[in-house]
Amino acid sequence: MTNTSGALPAKHKREFLVENCELRHWEDIEPYFKELLERKITSVVALETWMHNRSELEAFVSEDLAESIVMTRNTEDNSLLESYQFFVTEIEPKIAPYSNQLNKKLMESEFLNQLNSDKYRIYLRAVKKSLELFREENIPLFSQIQTNSKICCR
């Protein structure tokens, strides 16, 4: 189904993050990462809820990044560049270790094999690959690459 009205689709109601959550500082979202990391998973339903909550958090972060990337359309607005640079130097490097730990938690869950394999096969394959590729020492390199690529393209 295609949206032909030009209007943005309605946002889903949040179930994990507070409705008025904003990403201005790392401290705005760190508690959510910590909660996911510390949450006990006691059933396959609890694992799916945990995965859904994680997805909501990741979507929120991705939306914030997308707003920062708007700078590629308006290169005269320095505040957009600063917003993007803040995201890739202050937020993403702090998310990466949490994301890796959450991937480990998922793959080590005793309920993993009870998930619907057809529904989650591709996602779980991507998580496994992320775990294989993750290196703590690469985090600052990714930030530097992203910052330099946006500056050189101005």
C-alpha atoms as a PDB file:
ATOM      1  CA  MET A   1       0.000   0.000   0.000  1.00  0.00           C
ATOM      2  CA  THR A   2       1.492   3.326  -1.081  1.00  0.00           C
ATOM      3  CA  ASN A   3       1.032   6.607   0.731  1.00  0.00           C
ATOM      4  CA  THR A   4      -0.001   9.026  -2.045  1.00  0.00           C
ATOM      5  CA  SER A   5      -1.280  11.843   0.158  1.00  0.00           C
ATOM      6  CA  GLY A   6       2.214  13.201   0.835  1.00  0.00           C
ATOM      7  CA  ALA A   7       1.566  13.099   4.566  1.00  0.00           C
ATOM      8  CA  LEU A   8       3.926  11.280   6.858  1.00  0.00           C
ATOM      9  CA  PRO A   9       2.589   8.027   8.274  1.00  0.00           C
ATOM     10  CA  ALA A  10       1.434   8.180  11.867  1.00  0.00           C
ATOM     11  CA  LYS A  11       4.063   7.229  14.415  1.00  0.00           C
ATOM     12  CA  HIS A  12       3.501   4.088  16.414  1.00  0.00           C
ATOM     13  CA  LYS A  13       2.636   4.545  20.051  1.00  0.00           C
ATOM     14  CA  ARG A  14       5.668   3.874  22.164  1.00  0.00           C
ATOM     15  CA  GLU A  15       5.572   0.969  24.557  1.00  0.00           C
ATOM     16  CA  PHE A  16       9.094   1.084  25.975  1.00  0.00           C
ATOM     17  CA  LEU A  17      10.338   4.650  25.650  1.00  0.00           C
ATOM     18  CA  VAL A  18       8.430   7.529  27.175  1.00  0.00           C
ATOM     19  CA  GLU A  19       6.382   9.422  24.587  1.00  0.00           C
ATOM     20  CA  ASN A  20       8.270  12.688  24.998  1.00  0.00           C
ATOM     21  CA  CYS A  21      11.736  11.104  24.889  1.00  0.00           C
ATOM     22  CA  GLU A  22      14.288  13.276  23.098  1.00  0.00           C
ATOM     23  CA  LEU A  23      17.877  12.549  22.227  1.00  0.00           C
ATOM     24  CA  ARG A  24      19.814  15.598  23.318  1.00  0.00           C
ATOM     25  CA  HIS A  25      22.443  13.827  25.439  1.00  0.00           C
ATOM     26  CA  TRP A  26      23.653  10.255  25.880  1.00  0.00           C
ATOM     27  CA  GLU A  27      22.033  10.262  29.322  1.00  0.00           C
ATOM     28  CA  ASP A  28      18.618  10.564  27.651  1.00  0.00           C
ATOM     29  CA  ILE A  29      18.837   7.023  26.252  1.00  0.00           C
ATOM     30  CA  GLU A  30      21.474   5.187  28.273  1.00  0.00           C
ATOM     31  CA  PRO A  31      18.947   4.042  30.915  1.00  0.00           C
ATOM     32  CA  TYR A  32      16.995   2.225  28.194  1.00  0.00           C
ATOM     33  CA  PHE A  33      20.083   0.338  27.047  1.00  0.00           C
ATOM     34  CA  LYS A  34      20.917  -0.534  30.649  1.00  0.00           C
ATOM     35  CA  GLU A  35      17.381  -1.734  31.338  1.00  0.00           C
ATOM     36  CA  LEU A  36      17.452  -4.049  28.326  1.00  0.00           C
ATOM     37  CA  LEU A  37      20.841  -5.379  29.320  1.00  0.00           C
ATOM     38  CA  GLU A  38      19.800  -6.027  32.925  1.00  0.00           C
ATOM     39  CA  ARG A  39      16.285  -7.337  32.268  1.00  0.00           C
ATOM     40  CA  LYS A  40      15.683 -10.985  33.157  1.00  0.00           C
ATOM     41  CA  ILE A  41      14.193 -12.971  30.307  1.00  0.00           C
ATOM     42  CA  THR A  42      12.045 -15.739  31.720  1.00  0.00           C
ATOM     43  CA  SER A  43      10.143 -17.052  28.690  1.00  0.00           C
ATOM     44  CA  VAL A  44       9.970 -16.944  24.916  1.00  0.00           C
ATOM     45  CA  VAL A  45       7.220 -14.290  25.226  1.00  0.00           C
ATOM     46  CA  ALA A  46       9.512 -12.221  27.456  1.00  0.00           C
ATOM     47  CA  LEU A  47      12.296 -12.621  24.878  1.00  0.00           C
ATOM     48  CA  GLU A  48      10.021 -11.383  22.078  1.00  0.00           C
ATOM     49  CA  THR A  49       8.929  -8.427  24.231  1.00  0.00           C
ATOM     50  CA  TRP A  50      12.591  -7.661  24.936  1.00  0.00           C
ATOM     51  CA  MET A  51      13.349  -7.808  21.207  1.00  0.00           C
ATOM     52  CA  HIS A  52      10.403  -5.527  20.444  1.00  0.00           C
ATOM     53  CA  ASN A  53      11.553  -3.020  23.091  1.00  0.00           C
ATOM     54  CA  ARG A  54      15.061  -3.087  21.677  1.00  0.00           C
ATOM     55  CA  SER A  55      13.691  -2.522  18.194  1.00  0.00           C
ATOM     56  CA  GLU A  56      11.715   0.485  19.429  1.00  0.00           C
ATOM     57  CA  LEU A  57      14.852   1.971  20.999  1.00  0.00           C
ATOM     58  CA  GLU A  58      16.913   1.364  17.868  1.00  0.00           C
ATOM     59  CA  ALA A  59      14.193   2.893  15.673  1.00  0.00           C
ATOM     60  CA  PHE A  60      14.137   5.980  17.886  1.00  0.00           C
ATOM     61  CA  VAL A  61      17.916   6.352  17.591  1.00  0.00           C
ATOM     62  CA  SER A  62      17.753   5.801  13.818  1.00  0.00           C
ATOM     63  CA  GLU A  63      15.082   8.482  13.469  1.00  0.00           C
ATOM     64  CA  ASP A  64      17.310  10.923  15.323  1.00  0.00           C
ATOM     65  CA  LEU A  65      20.212  10.095  13.012  1.00  0.00           C
ATOM     66  CA  ALA A  66      17.972  10.546   9.974  1.00  0.00           C
ATOM     67  CA  GLU A  67      17.050  14.020  11.178  1.00  0.00           C
ATOM     68  CA  SER A  68      20.754  14.787  11.565  1.00  0.00           C
ATOM     69  CA  ILE A  69      21.473  13.598   8.038  1.00  0.00           C
ATOM     70  CA  VAL A  70      19.162  16.284   6.685  1.00  0.00           C
ATOM     71  CA  MET A  71      22.345  18.373   6.626  1.00  0.00           C
ATOM     72  CA  THR A  72      23.197  16.769   3.310  1.00  0.00           C
ATOM     73  CA  ARG A  73      20.316  18.716   1.797  1.00  0.00           C
ATOM     74  CA  ASN A  74      21.050  22.012   3.511  1.00  0.00           C
ATOM     75  CA  THR A  75      24.805  22.414   3.694  1.00  0.00           C
ATOM     76  CA  GLU A  76      24.560  26.080   4.695  1.00  0.00           C
ATOM     77  CA  ASP A  77      23.017  25.286   8.093  1.00  0.00           C
ATOM     78  CA  ASN A  78      25.922  24.715  10.496  1.00  0.00           C
ATOM     79  CA  SER A  79      23.583  23.611  13.285  1.00  0.00           C
ATOM     80  CA  LEU A  80      22.647  20.546  11.220  1.00  0.00           C
ATOM     81  CA  LEU A  81      26.309  19.687  10.722  1.00  0.00           C
ATOM     82  CA  GLU A  82      26.931  20.108  14.453  1.00  0.00           C
ATOM     83  CA  SER A  83      23.946  17.878  15.223  1.00  0.00           C
ATOM     84  CA  TYR A  84      25.260  15.174  12.918  1.00  0.00           C
ATOM     85  CA  GLN A  85      28.782  15.422  14.322  1.00  0.00           C
ATOM     86  CA  PHE A  86      27.420  15.215  17.862  1.00  0.00           C
ATOM     87  CA  PHE A  87      25.530  12.057  16.951  1.00  0.00           C
ATOM     88  CA  VAL A  88      28.466  10.255  15.328  1.00  0.00           C
ATOM     89  CA  THR A  89      31.036  11.313  17.936  1.00  0.00           C
ATOM     90  CA  GLU A  90      29.018  11.253  21.158  1.00  0.00           C
ATOM     91  CA  ILE A  91      26.029   8.932  20.696  1.00  0.00           C
ATOM     92  CA  GLU A  92      26.999   6.178  18.247  1.00  0.00           C
ATOM     93  CA  PRO A  93      30.305   5.319  19.975  1.00  0.00           C
ATOM     94  CA  LYS A  94      28.445   4.812  23.243  1.00  0.00           C
ATOM     95  CA  ILE A  95      25.699   2.736  21.636  1.00  0.00           C
ATOM     96  CA  ALA A  96      28.100   0.298  19.941  1.00  0.00           C
ATOM     97  CA  PRO A  97      29.298  -1.559  23.075  1.00  0.00           C
ATOM     98  CA  TYR A  98      25.745  -1.789  24.417  1.00  0.00           C
ATOM     99  CA  SER A  99      24.522  -3.092  21.086  1.00  0.00           C
ATOM    100  CA  ASN A 100      27.204  -5.770  21.124  1.00  0.00           C
ATOM    101  CA  GLN A 101      26.284  -6.773  24.684  1.00  0.00           C
ATOM    102  CA  LEU A 102      22.598  -6.904  23.750  1.00  0.00           C
ATOM    103  CA  ASN A 103      23.456  -9.097  20.752  1.00  0.00           C
ATOM    104  CA  LYS A 104      25.315 -11.465  23.082  1.00  0.00           C
ATOM    105  CA  LYS A 105      22.399 -11.512  25.507  1.00  0.00           C
ATOM    106  CA  LEU A 106      20.020 -12.411  22.693  1.00  0.00           C
ATOM    107  CA  MET A 107      22.193 -15.157  21.270  1.00  0.00           C
ATOM    108  CA  GLU A 108      22.818 -16.626  24.737  1.00  0.00           C
ATOM    109  CA  SER A 109      19.145 -16.666  25.723  1.00  0.00           C
ATOM    110  CA  GLU A 110      17.885 -20.075  26.730  1.00  0.00           C
ATOM    111  CA  PHE A 111      14.678 -19.264  24.826  1.00  0.00           C
ATOM    112  CA  LEU A 112      16.343 -18.432  21.507  1.00  0.00           C
ATOM    113  CA  ASN A 113      15.581 -21.843  19.997  1.00  0.00           C
ATOM    114  CA  GLN A 114      11.892 -21.421  20.820  1.00  0.00           C
ATOM    115  CA  LEU A 115      11.519 -18.362  18.575  1.00  0.00           C
ATOM    116  CA  ASN A 116       9.691 -18.783  15.282  1.00  0.00           C
ATOM    117  CA  SER A 117      12.627 -19.564  13.000  1.00  0.00           C
ATOM    118  CA  ASP A 118      10.888 -18.299   9.851  1.00  0.00           C
ATOM    119  CA  LYS A 119       9.998 -14.981  11.447  1.00  0.00           C
ATOM    120  CA  TYR A 120      13.426 -14.254  12.950  1.00  0.00           C
ATOM    121  CA  ARG A 121      15.879 -16.142  10.700  1.00  0.00           C
ATOM    122  CA  ILE A 122      17.252 -13.141   8.799  1.00  0.00           C
ATOM    123  CA  TYR A 123      17.391 -10.938  11.888  1.00  0.00           C
ATOM    124  CA  LEU A 124      19.245 -13.571  13.909  1.00  0.00           C
ATOM    125  CA  ARG A 125      21.675 -14.135  11.047  1.00  0.00           C
ATOM    126  CA  ALA A 126      22.455 -10.392  11.061  1.00  0.00           C
ATOM    127  CA  VAL A 127      22.953 -10.424  14.837  1.00  0.00           C
ATOM    128  CA  LYS A 128      25.398 -13.340  14.552  1.00  0.00           C
ATOM    129  CA  LYS A 129      27.330 -11.497  11.842  1.00  0.00           C
ATOM    130  CA  SER A 130      27.437  -8.331  13.954  1.00  0.00           C
ATOM    131  CA  LEU A 131      28.890 -10.312  16.837  1.00  0.00           C
ATOM    132  CA  GLU A 132      31.553 -11.789  14.558  1.00  0.00           C
ATOM    133  CA  LEU A 133      32.537  -8.388  13.176  1.00  0.00           C
ATOM    134  CA  PHE A 134      32.415  -6.252  16.328  1.00  0.00           C
ATOM    135  CA  ARG A 135      35.745  -4.901  17.557  1.00  0.00           C
ATOM    136  CA  GLU A 136      35.887  -2.308  20.333  1.00  0.00           C
ATOM    137  CA  GLU A 137      38.942  -0.682  18.759  1.00  0.00           C
ATOM    138  CA  ASN A 138      36.971   0.098  15.572  1.00  0.00           C
ATOM    139  CA  ILE A 139      34.448   2.376  17.306  1.00  0.00           C
ATOM    140  CA  PRO A 140      36.541   5.572  17.148  1.00  0.00           C
ATOM    141  CA  LEU A 141      37.559   4.757  13.580  1.00  0.00           C
ATOM    142  CA  PHE A 142      33.916   4.585  12.459  1.00  0.00           C
ATOM    143  CA  SER A 143      33.217   7.940  14.120  1.00  0.00           C
ATOM    144  CA  GLN A 144      36.197   9.509  12.406  1.00  0.00           C
ATOM    145  CA  ILE A 145      35.205   8.118   9.002  1.00  0.00           C
ATOM    146  CA  GLN A 146      31.617   9.349   9.329  1.00  0.00           C
ATOM    147  CA  THR A 147      32.670  12.792  10.531  1.00  0.00           C
ATOM    148  CA  ASN A 148      35.250  13.204   7.763  1.00  0.00           C
ATOM    149  CA  SER A 149      32.919  11.982   5.018  1.00  0.00           C
ATOM    150  CA  LYS A 150      30.262  14.558   5.902  1.00  0.00           C
ATOM    151  CA  ILE A 151      32.756  17.412   6.243  1.00  0.00           C
ATOM    152  CA  CYS A 152      34.426  16.720   2.898  1.00  0.00           C
ATOM    153  CA  CYS A 153      31.076  16.607   1.116  1.00  0.00           C
ATOM    154  CA  ARG A 154      30.010  20.120   2.170  1.00  0.00           C
END
